[in-house]
Protein backbone atom coordinates (compact mmCIF):
# COMPACT_ATOMS: atom_id res chain seq x y z
CA MET A 1 101.52 92.41 84.09
CA ALA A 2 100.86 91.71 87.40
CA HIS A 3 101.75 88.87 89.69
CA SER A 4 98.46 88.29 91.23
CA ARG A 5 95.11 87.72 90.90
CA ARG A 6 94.81 90.72 93.40
CA GLU A 7 97.12 93.23 91.68
CA VAL A 8 95.44 92.07 88.00
CA ALA A 9 91.73 93.13 89.90
CA GLU A 10 93.00 96.24 91.20
CA TYR A 11 95.43 97.90 88.10
CA THR A 12 92.18 96.61 86.08
CA ALA A 13 90.09 98.89 87.83
CA LEU A 14 92.72 101.64 88.38
CA GLY A 15 92.82 101.84 84.79
CA GLU A 16 89.39 101.84 84.63
CA SER A 17 89.16 104.59 86.86
CA LEU A 18 91.33 107.03 84.59
CA GLY A 19 90.62 106.04 81.27
CA VAL A 20 93.39 103.91 80.96
CA ARG A 21 92.79 101.53 77.56
CA GLY A 22 95.07 98.20 78.14
CA GLU A 23 94.78 94.61 79.46
CA VAL A 24 96.50 93.54 82.62
CA GLY A 25 97.57 90.29 82.14
CA LEU A 26 98.91 87.19 85.28
CA GLY A 27 101.83 86.00 85.54
CA SER A 28 104.07 83.87 88.35
CA LEU A 29 106.63 85.31 90.23
CA PRO A 30 109.94 83.38 90.04
CA LEU A 31 109.80 82.96 93.88
CA GLY A 32 112.33 79.50 93.48
CA ARG A 33 109.02 77.16 95.14
CA ARG A 34 110.20 74.06 96.59
CA SER A 35 107.88 70.93 97.82
CA GLU A 36 108.21 69.91 101.57
CA ASP A 37 111.21 68.38 103.19
CA ARG A 38 110.08 66.53 105.80
CA GLY A 39 113.52 65.50 106.39
CA ALA A 40 115.37 68.61 107.12
CA ARG A 41 116.54 69.94 109.54
CA ARG A 42 114.22 72.91 110.91
CA ASP A 43 116.43 74.83 113.60
CA ARG A 44 116.45 78.00 112.89
CA ILE A 45 114.03 81.21 113.70
CA VAL A 46 114.54 84.31 110.93
CA TYR A 47 113.60 87.91 111.41
CA ALA A 48 113.45 89.45 108.16
CA ALA A 49 114.21 93.46 109.03
CA HIS A 50 112.65 95.87 107.01
CA PRO A 51 113.66 99.38 106.39
CA GLY A 52 111.69 101.78 108.73
CA ALA A 53 109.32 99.09 110.13
CA PRO A 54 109.49 99.39 113.04
CA ASP A 55 110.35 102.89 112.40
CA THR A 56 110.98 104.07 116.24
CA GLU A 57 114.03 103.16 118.71
CA ARG A 58 111.13 101.70 120.75
CA GLY A 59 110.04 99.57 118.53
CA ARG A 60 113.21 98.26 117.28
CA ARG A 61 113.77 97.36 120.66
CA SER A 62 111.00 95.39 121.20
CA VAL A 63 111.67 93.14 118.45
CA LEU A 64 114.71 92.62 119.86
CA LEU A 65 114.09 91.54 122.87
CA ALA A 66 111.57 89.26 121.90
CA LEU A 67 113.92 87.31 120.12
CA THR A 68 115.98 87.32 122.91
CA GLU A 69 113.68 85.72 124.84
CA LEU A 70 112.96 83.24 122.19
CA ALA A 71 116.72 82.51 121.61
CA GLU A 72 117.12 82.09 125.59
CA SER A 73 114.23 80.16 126.16
CA ARG A 74 114.73 78.02 122.96
CA PRO A 75 118.94 77.29 123.07
CA ASP A 76 117.95 74.61 120.26
CA LEU A 77 117.27 77.26 117.66
CA GLU A 78 119.45 79.51 116.16
CA VAL A 79 117.48 83.05 116.14
CA VAL A 80 118.86 85.36 113.08
CA VAL A 81 118.14 88.85 112.17
CA HIS A 82 118.60 88.76 108.01
CA LEU A 83 119.62 92.45 106.80
CA GLY A 84 118.95 91.49 103.20
CA ARG A 85 121.47 91.65 100.88
CA ASP A 86 122.20 95.53 101.62
CA PRO A 87 122.64 95.57 105.16
CA GLY A 88 122.95 99.31 104.85
CA ASP A 89 119.17 100.73 105.54
CA ARG A 90 119.20 98.59 108.14
CA LEU A 91 121.41 99.74 110.53
CA PRO A 92 119.07 101.35 112.45
CA PHE A 93 118.41 97.62 113.95
CA VAL A 94 122.04 96.99 114.12
CA GLU A 95 122.59 100.49 116.29
CA SER A 96 119.30 98.91 118.34
CA TRP A 97 121.17 96.16 119.52
CA ARG A 98 124.04 97.58 120.02
CA SER A 99 122.97 99.57 122.36
CA LEU A 100 120.86 96.65 124.57
CA VAL A 101 124.24 94.89 124.72
CA ARG A 102 126.17 98.12 126.11
CA ALA A 103 122.46 98.42 128.55
CA ASP A 104 123.58 95.04 129.89
CA LEU A 105 119.90 93.62 128.55
CA THR A 106 121.49 90.82 126.66
CA GLU A 107 124.24 89.61 125.16
CA ASP A 108 126.35 89.54 122.08
CA HIS A 109 126.10 86.19 120.86
CA THR A 110 122.58 85.59 121.72
CA LEU A 111 121.01 86.68 118.12
CA VAL A 112 122.96 86.14 114.88
CA PHE A 113 122.90 89.33 112.17
CA ARG A 114 123.18 88.27 108.57
CA SER A 115 123.36 89.93 105.28
CA GLY A 116 122.65 88.14 101.95
CA ARG A 117 120.45 86.00 99.98
CA LEU A 118 117.25 85.30 102.03
CA SER A 119 117.05 81.64 100.55
CA ASP A 120 120.30 80.79 102.26
CA GLN A 121 118.45 81.37 105.51
CA LEU A 122 115.64 79.32 104.95
CA ASP A 123 116.80 76.28 104.21
CA ARG A 124 116.86 75.32 107.84
CA ALA A 125 114.08 77.28 109.05
CA ARG A 126 111.50 76.57 111.73
CA GLY A 127 109.77 79.51 110.95
CA LEU A 128 109.89 83.66 109.75
CA VAL A 129 108.81 86.96 110.80
CA ALA A 130 108.35 90.21 109.90
CA VAL A 131 106.31 93.23 110.44
CA GLY A 132 105.38 92.58 106.86
CA SER A 133 107.69 92.91 103.45
CA ALA A 134 108.74 90.84 100.38
CA ALA A 135 110.51 88.33 102.64
CA VAL A 136 107.19 86.82 103.74
CA VAL A 137 106.30 86.04 100.28
CA GLU A 138 109.44 84.06 99.71
CA ALA A 139 109.22 82.24 102.75
CA LEU A 140 105.83 81.35 101.97
CA ALA A 141 107.00 79.94 98.41
CA HIS A 142 109.63 78.29 100.33
CA ARG A 143 106.73 76.51 102.76
CA VAL A 144 108.33 78.05 105.97
CA PRO A 145 105.55 78.80 108.21
CA THR A 146 105.51 82.61 108.77
CA LEU A 147 103.87 85.24 111.55
CA VAL A 148 103.17 89.19 110.32
CA LEU A 149 103.49 91.08 113.21
CA THR A 150 100.66 93.31 114.18
CA ASP A 151 101.89 95.15 117.27
CA PHE A 152 103.31 98.11 115.15
CA GLY A 153 99.76 98.47 113.06
CA VAL A 154 98.22 97.04 110.37
CA GLY A 155 97.55 98.38 106.84
CA PRO A 156 99.26 100.38 104.35
CA GLY A 157 100.87 102.55 106.51
CA ALA A 158 102.83 99.39 108.02
CA GLY A 159 103.54 98.11 104.67
CA ASN A 160 101.31 94.63 105.73
CA ALA A 161 97.79 95.25 104.12
CA VAL A 162 98.57 93.12 101.27
CA PHE A 163 98.50 90.09 104.11
CA GLU A 164 94.57 91.00 105.61
CA GLY A 165 92.48 87.97 105.26
CA SER A 166 95.32 85.72 105.21
CA GLY A 167 95.98 84.04 108.74
CA LEU A 168 99.61 85.10 108.98
CA PHE A 169 99.25 88.02 111.36
CA GLY A 170 100.14 87.68 115.22
CA THR A 171 102.22 89.64 117.28
CA LEU A 172 105.68 89.05 120.01
CA ALA A 173 103.60 87.46 121.98
CA ASP A 174 103.26 84.27 119.24
CA LEU A 175 106.93 84.75 118.24
CA ARG A 176 107.95 84.18 121.50
CA ALA A 177 105.95 80.96 121.60
CA THR A 178 107.20 79.82 118.24
CA ARG A 179 103.32 80.33 117.18
CA PHE A 180 103.94 80.28 112.92
CA ARG A 181 101.30 80.42 110.51
CA ARG A 182 100.77 78.82 107.37
CA PRO A 183 98.41 81.16 104.62
CA SER A 184 94.85 80.07 104.12
CA ARG A 185 94.37 78.72 100.91
CA GLU A 186 91.74 81.12 99.44
CA TRP A 187 94.47 84.14 100.34
CA GLY A 188 96.97 82.27 98.59
CA GLU A 189 95.26 81.88 95.31
CA GLN A 190 94.43 85.42 95.23
CA ASN A 191 97.78 86.68 96.14
CA HIS A 192 100.92 85.24 94.09
CA PHE A 193 100.09 81.50 95.06
CA HIS A 194 97.79 80.50 91.71
CA ALA A 195 98.67 77.89 89.67
CA PRO A 196 100.97 78.50 87.21
CA GLU A 197 98.72 77.01 84.63
CA HIS A 198 96.44 79.81 85.48
CA ASP A 199 99.05 82.80 83.65
CA ASP A 200 97.52 84.30 80.62
CA TRP A 201 99.93 87.20 80.04
CA VAL A 202 101.45 85.37 77.06
CA ASP A 203 98.13 84.35 76.04
CA ARG A 204 97.19 88.05 76.31
CA LEU A 205 100.71 89.00 74.38
CA ARG A 206 99.80 87.50 71.46
CA VAL A 207 96.40 88.50 70.77
CA LEU A 208 97.43 92.73 70.97
CA HIS A 209 100.66 91.11 68.45
CA GLY A 210 98.15 89.74 66.27
CA ARG A 211 95.95 92.93 66.39
CA ARG A 212 98.50 95.39 66.47
CA LEU A 213 99.93 93.53 63.12
CA ARG A 214 95.95 93.54 61.47
CA GLY A 215 96.19 97.25 62.20
CA GLU A 216 93.57 97.18 65.04
CA LEU A 217 95.80 99.39 67.72
CA GLY A 218 96.11 102.68 66.79
């Protein structure tokens, strides 16, 4: 089972190239989607830290300084660095932040560092920014405008290849200007945001089970 039409096509092509017999079914991710609540307060910008991205001290500093500039220019917004459920592998971000504070390039209270569930930060989020991770998909499911940074590259090595063609790409300059995006409909339908009624994995499994009972499968 795959969770997007793109993944179904890619796994099917891979199986054919390897001579593997089988089928790939489509099944929605449990993303906790919700409808737009236009009355909700939106006063938070969330940066979803991802392990190893950026993978240099200079890269992490550039992200943190851009977030700092945003926080200082927009006192009406809370700027949060989300470290995930297990913040241990995001400690380089924390150390980079501490080095900026020690160098008097920012003040400790300018950014807020939080761990735990990302969904806890999305209820008030005006935008989410990331280099490229599953956090982007979760934010989109919550109808939070998103920015996928291209300052550190685009493609599999940067962890953001799946977002090519989405309309979500932008730079640290877009972050400073709070220019967040919503994905194109065409990209969404191919990547995790198809209509649930298009899921076919249960039907495919039922057919395979029937064939197994009839002894048609080796």
